[in-house]
N, C-alpha and C. Protein backbone atom coordinates (compact mmCIF):
# COMPACT_ATOMS: atom_id res chain seq x y z
N UNK A 1 0.84 -1.18 0.00
CA UNK A 1 0.00 0.00 0.00
C UNK A 1 0.89 1.24 0.00
N UNK A 2 0.45 2.26 -0.67
CA UNK A 2 1.22 3.49 -0.77
C UNK A 2 1.07 4.33 0.49
N UNK A 3 2.16 4.89 0.91
CA UNK A 3 2.19 5.76 2.09
C UNK A 3 1.36 7.01 1.82
N UNK A 4 0.63 7.50 2.80
CA UNK A 4 -0.22 8.69 2.63
C UNK A 4 0.60 9.93 2.30
N UNK A 5 1.76 10.07 2.92
CA UNK A 5 2.62 11.22 2.65
C UNK A 5 3.13 11.18 1.21
N UNK A 6 3.46 10.00 0.72
CA UNK A 6 3.92 9.86 -0.66
C UNK A 6 2.81 10.21 -1.63
N UNK A 7 1.62 9.72 -1.36
CA UNK A 7 0.47 10.02 -2.22
C UNK A 7 0.18 11.52 -2.23
N UNK A 8 0.20 12.14 -1.06
CA UNK A 8 -0.03 13.58 -0.97
C UNK A 8 1.04 14.35 -1.74
N UNK A 9 2.27 13.93 -1.63
CA UNK A 9 3.37 14.58 -2.37
C UNK A 9 3.14 14.49 -3.87
N UNK A 10 2.77 13.33 -4.34
CA UNK A 10 2.53 13.13 -5.78
C UNK A 10 1.38 14.02 -6.24
N UNK A 11 0.31 14.06 -5.48
CA UNK A 11 -0.85 14.89 -5.86
C UNK A 11 -0.48 16.37 -5.87
N UNK A 12 0.26 16.82 -4.87
CA UNK A 12 0.66 18.23 -4.82
C UNK A 12 1.61 18.59 -5.97
N UNK A 13 2.55 17.72 -6.28
CA UNK A 13 3.46 17.98 -7.40
C UNK A 13 2.68 18.04 -8.71
N UNK A 14 1.73 17.13 -8.89
CA UNK A 14 0.91 17.15 -10.10
C UNK A 14 0.10 18.43 -10.18
N UNK A 15 -0.45 18.86 -9.05
CA UNK A 15 -1.23 20.10 -9.03
C UNK A 15 -0.40 21.32 -9.37
N UNK A 16 0.79 21.42 -8.79
CA UNK A 16 1.67 22.55 -9.08
C UNK A 16 2.10 22.53 -10.54
N UNK A 17 2.40 21.35 -11.06
CA UNK A 17 2.77 21.24 -12.47
C UNK A 17 1.63 21.71 -13.37
N UNK A 18 0.42 21.27 -13.06
CA UNK A 18 -0.73 21.68 -13.85
C UNK A 18 -0.95 23.19 -13.78
N UNK A 19 -0.83 23.76 -12.59
CA UNK A 19 -1.02 25.21 -12.44
C UNK A 19 0.03 26.01 -13.21
N UNK A 20 1.25 25.54 -13.22
CA UNK A 20 2.27 26.27 -13.99
C UNK A 20 2.02 26.14 -15.49
N UNK A 21 1.46 25.01 -15.90
CA UNK A 21 1.17 24.83 -17.33
C UNK A 21 0.03 25.74 -17.81
N UNK A 22 -1.01 25.88 -16.99
CA UNK A 22 -2.15 26.69 -17.42
C UNK A 22 -2.00 28.15 -17.01
N UNK A 23 -1.06 28.44 -16.14
CA UNK A 23 -0.89 29.81 -15.63
C UNK A 23 -0.69 30.83 -16.74
N UNK A 24 0.14 30.51 -17.69
CA UNK A 24 0.40 31.43 -18.80
C UNK A 24 -0.85 31.69 -19.63
N UNK A 25 -1.63 30.67 -19.85
CA UNK A 25 -2.86 30.83 -20.62
C UNK A 25 -3.86 31.72 -19.88
N UNK A 26 -3.96 31.51 -18.58
CA UNK A 26 -4.90 32.29 -17.79
C UNK A 26 -4.48 33.76 -17.74
N UNK A 27 -3.20 33.99 -17.51
CA UNK A 27 -2.71 35.37 -17.39
C UNK A 27 -2.76 36.10 -18.73
N UNK A 28 -2.47 35.41 -19.82
CA UNK A 28 -2.35 36.07 -21.13
C UNK A 28 -3.55 35.84 -22.05
N UNK A 29 -4.64 35.33 -21.54
CA UNK A 29 -5.75 34.94 -22.42
C UNK A 29 -6.38 36.10 -23.20
N UNK A 30 -6.41 37.31 -22.67
CA UNK A 30 -7.04 38.43 -23.35
C UNK A 30 -6.04 39.49 -23.81
N UNK A 31 -4.81 39.09 -23.97
CA UNK A 31 -3.77 40.05 -24.35
C UNK A 31 -3.15 39.65 -25.67
N UNK A 32 -2.67 40.67 -26.38
CA UNK A 32 -1.91 40.44 -27.59
C UNK A 32 -0.44 40.67 -27.26
N UNK A 33 0.38 39.70 -27.59
CA UNK A 33 1.79 39.80 -27.27
C UNK A 33 2.52 40.67 -28.29
N UNK A 34 3.48 41.43 -27.81
CA UNK A 34 4.33 42.20 -28.72
C UNK A 34 5.25 41.22 -29.44
N UNK A 35 5.90 41.70 -30.47
CA UNK A 35 6.80 40.84 -31.23
C UNK A 35 7.94 40.33 -30.34
N UNK A 36 8.41 41.19 -29.46
CA UNK A 36 9.50 40.80 -28.56
C UNK A 36 9.04 39.73 -27.58
N UNK A 37 7.86 39.90 -27.00
CA UNK A 37 7.33 38.91 -26.06
C UNK A 37 7.06 37.58 -26.77
N UNK A 38 6.57 37.64 -27.99
CA UNK A 38 6.33 36.41 -28.75
C UNK A 38 7.64 35.69 -29.02
N UNK A 39 8.70 36.44 -29.31
CA UNK A 39 10.01 35.83 -29.55
C UNK A 39 10.53 35.15 -28.29
N UNK A 40 10.31 35.77 -27.14
CA UNK A 40 10.73 35.16 -25.87
C UNK A 40 9.96 33.87 -25.63
N UNK A 41 8.67 33.89 -25.87
CA UNK A 41 7.85 32.69 -25.66
C UNK A 41 8.26 31.56 -26.60
N UNK A 42 8.65 31.90 -27.81
CA UNK A 42 9.08 30.87 -28.76
C UNK A 42 10.44 30.31 -28.39
N UNK A 43 11.30 31.11 -27.76
CA UNK A 43 12.64 30.67 -27.39
C UNK A 43 12.64 29.86 -26.10
N UNK A 44 11.61 29.94 -25.30
CA UNK A 44 11.57 29.27 -24.00
C UNK A 44 11.79 27.76 -24.09
N UNK A 45 11.17 27.02 -25.01
CA UNK A 45 11.44 25.58 -25.05
C UNK A 45 12.90 25.26 -25.31
N UNK A 46 13.56 26.06 -26.11
CA UNK A 46 14.99 25.85 -26.35
C UNK A 46 15.80 26.05 -25.10
N UNK A 47 15.43 27.04 -24.30
CA UNK A 47 16.13 27.29 -23.04
C UNK A 47 15.96 26.12 -22.09
N UNK A 48 14.78 25.55 -22.05
CA UNK A 48 14.54 24.40 -21.19
C UNK A 48 15.37 23.21 -21.66
N UNK A 49 15.42 23.00 -22.96
CA UNK A 49 16.20 21.90 -23.51
C UNK A 49 17.68 22.08 -23.16
N UNK A 50 18.19 23.28 -23.30
CA UNK A 50 19.59 23.53 -22.97
C UNK A 50 19.86 23.24 -21.50
N UNK A 51 18.95 23.63 -20.61
CA UNK A 51 19.18 23.38 -19.19
C UNK A 51 19.19 21.89 -18.88
N UNK A 52 18.50 21.10 -19.68
CA UNK A 52 18.49 19.66 -19.47
C UNK A 52 19.78 19.02 -19.99
N UNK A 53 20.29 19.47 -21.13
CA UNK A 53 21.46 18.84 -21.70
C UNK A 53 22.78 19.50 -21.31
N UNK A 54 22.73 20.64 -20.64
CA UNK A 54 23.96 21.35 -20.27
C UNK A 54 24.92 20.51 -19.44
N UNK A 55 24.46 19.68 -18.51
CA UNK A 55 25.42 18.87 -17.76
C UNK A 55 26.28 17.95 -18.63
N UNK A 56 25.79 17.59 -19.80
CA UNK A 56 26.58 16.74 -20.70
C UNK A 56 27.82 17.45 -21.21
N UNK A 57 27.81 18.80 -21.21
CA UNK A 57 28.98 19.54 -21.66
C UNK A 57 30.19 19.29 -20.77
N UNK A 58 29.99 19.00 -19.51
CA UNK A 58 31.10 18.78 -18.59
C UNK A 58 31.31 17.30 -18.28
N UNK A 59 30.64 16.45 -19.00
CA UNK A 59 30.76 15.02 -18.78
C UNK A 59 32.06 14.50 -19.38
N UNK A 60 32.59 13.48 -18.75
CA UNK A 60 33.77 12.80 -19.31
C UNK A 60 33.38 11.49 -19.96
N UNK A 61 32.09 11.22 -19.97
CA UNK A 61 31.57 9.99 -20.56
C UNK A 61 31.52 10.17 -22.08
N UNK A 62 32.24 9.32 -22.83
CA UNK A 62 32.25 9.46 -24.29
C UNK A 62 30.87 9.34 -24.92
N UNK A 63 30.01 8.51 -24.35
CA UNK A 63 28.66 8.34 -24.90
C UNK A 63 27.88 9.65 -24.78
N UNK A 64 27.99 10.32 -23.64
CA UNK A 64 27.28 11.59 -23.45
C UNK A 64 27.82 12.67 -24.39
N UNK A 65 29.12 12.72 -24.55
CA UNK A 65 29.71 13.75 -25.42
C UNK A 65 29.35 13.51 -26.89
N UNK A 66 29.33 12.27 -27.29
CA UNK A 66 28.93 11.95 -28.67
C UNK A 66 27.45 12.24 -28.89
N UNK A 67 26.61 11.91 -27.91
CA UNK A 67 25.18 12.21 -28.01
C UNK A 67 24.95 13.72 -28.06
N UNK A 68 25.75 14.46 -27.31
CA UNK A 68 25.66 15.92 -27.33
C UNK A 68 26.00 16.46 -28.72
N UNK A 69 27.04 15.92 -29.33
CA UNK A 69 27.42 16.36 -30.68
C UNK A 69 26.32 16.03 -31.69
N UNK A 70 25.75 14.86 -31.58
CA UNK A 70 24.66 14.46 -32.49
C UNK A 70 23.46 15.39 -32.31
N UNK A 71 23.14 15.69 -31.06
CA UNK A 71 22.02 16.59 -30.78
C UNK A 71 22.28 17.98 -31.33
N UNK A 72 23.50 18.46 -31.20
CA UNK A 72 23.85 19.77 -31.74
C UNK A 72 23.68 19.81 -33.25
N UNK A 73 24.14 18.80 -33.94
CA UNK A 73 23.99 18.76 -35.40
C UNK A 73 22.51 18.70 -35.77
N UNK A 74 21.73 17.91 -35.05
CA UNK A 74 20.29 17.83 -35.33
C UNK A 74 19.63 19.18 -35.09
N UNK A 75 20.05 19.90 -34.05
CA UNK A 75 19.44 21.19 -33.73
C UNK A 75 19.72 22.24 -34.80
N UNK A 76 20.83 22.11 -35.49
CA UNK A 76 21.14 23.08 -36.54
C UNK A 76 20.37 22.82 -37.83
N UNK A 77 19.77 21.63 -37.94
CA UNK A 77 19.10 21.28 -39.18
C UNK A 77 17.59 21.00 -39.04
N UNK A 78 17.14 20.69 -37.83
CA UNK A 78 15.75 20.25 -37.65
C UNK A 78 15.02 21.13 -36.64
N UNK A 79 13.72 20.93 -36.56
CA UNK A 79 12.92 21.66 -35.57
C UNK A 79 13.07 21.00 -34.20
N UNK A 80 12.37 21.54 -33.22
CA UNK A 80 12.54 21.12 -31.82
C UNK A 80 12.21 19.65 -31.58
N UNK A 81 11.05 19.19 -32.01
CA UNK A 81 10.63 17.82 -31.70
C UNK A 81 11.58 16.77 -32.27
N UNK A 82 11.94 16.83 -33.56
CA UNK A 82 12.89 15.83 -34.05
C UNK A 82 14.25 15.91 -33.34
N UNK A 83 14.67 17.11 -32.99
CA UNK A 83 15.95 17.26 -32.29
C UNK A 83 15.90 16.57 -30.93
N UNK A 84 14.81 16.78 -30.19
CA UNK A 84 14.67 16.14 -28.88
C UNK A 84 14.64 14.63 -29.04
N UNK A 85 13.88 14.13 -30.00
CA UNK A 85 13.79 12.69 -30.20
C UNK A 85 15.14 12.09 -30.58
N UNK A 86 15.85 12.75 -31.46
CA UNK A 86 17.18 12.27 -31.86
C UNK A 86 18.15 12.33 -30.69
N UNK A 87 18.09 13.40 -29.92
CA UNK A 87 18.98 13.53 -28.77
C UNK A 87 18.75 12.44 -27.73
N UNK A 88 17.50 12.20 -27.40
CA UNK A 88 17.17 11.18 -26.40
C UNK A 88 17.53 9.79 -26.92
N UNK A 89 17.19 9.51 -28.17
CA UNK A 89 17.48 8.20 -28.74
C UNK A 89 18.99 7.96 -28.84
N UNK A 90 19.73 8.97 -29.29
CA UNK A 90 21.17 8.79 -29.41
C UNK A 90 21.83 8.63 -28.04
N UNK A 91 21.37 9.38 -27.05
CA UNK A 91 21.93 9.23 -25.71
C UNK A 91 21.66 7.83 -25.16
N UNK A 92 20.45 7.37 -25.31
CA UNK A 92 20.11 6.03 -24.81
C UNK A 92 20.89 4.93 -25.52
N UNK A 93 20.94 5.01 -26.83
CA UNK A 93 21.64 3.99 -27.61
C UNK A 93 23.13 4.00 -27.33
N UNK A 94 23.72 5.20 -27.31
CA UNK A 94 25.17 5.27 -27.06
C UNK A 94 25.55 4.87 -25.65
N UNK A 95 24.70 5.20 -24.67
CA UNK A 95 24.99 4.75 -23.30
C UNK A 95 24.88 3.24 -23.21
N UNK A 96 23.97 2.66 -23.98
CA UNK A 96 23.84 1.20 -23.98
C UNK A 96 25.06 0.55 -24.66
N UNK A 97 25.50 1.12 -25.77
CA UNK A 97 26.60 0.52 -26.54
C UNK A 97 27.97 0.82 -25.94
N UNK A 98 28.19 2.06 -25.55
CA UNK A 98 29.52 2.48 -25.09
C UNK A 98 29.63 2.39 -23.57
N UNK A 99 28.56 2.74 -22.91
CA UNK A 99 28.57 2.67 -21.45
C UNK A 99 28.58 3.99 -20.76
C-alpha cells in the first residue's frame, strides 16, 4: 500500500505542475503579445532543452559527449521535436553501446 505522505506529495506535485502549465494561458488569455514577447515565448522551449542537456557539456563519458554532438547537429538542421527525439534516442543507444 502506498504511504499517505507519498500520495499527498505526488498529488501536490501534479497540481503545481498543472497550475504552472495553465498559468500562462490564464494570465495572457485576453492580451496580444508584442513581437518581442512572442520571440521570448518561442525561445523558451529551447532554453529548457539547454538546461536539461547542459550537464553533458562537462561530462567525461564518451557516450554523453557523442550524443551531445549528435544533438547539436540535429538542432542546426531540424525543428525542436525531431531534435529532442534524436537527442534522447542517441543518448540512450550510445549509453547502452559504449557505457
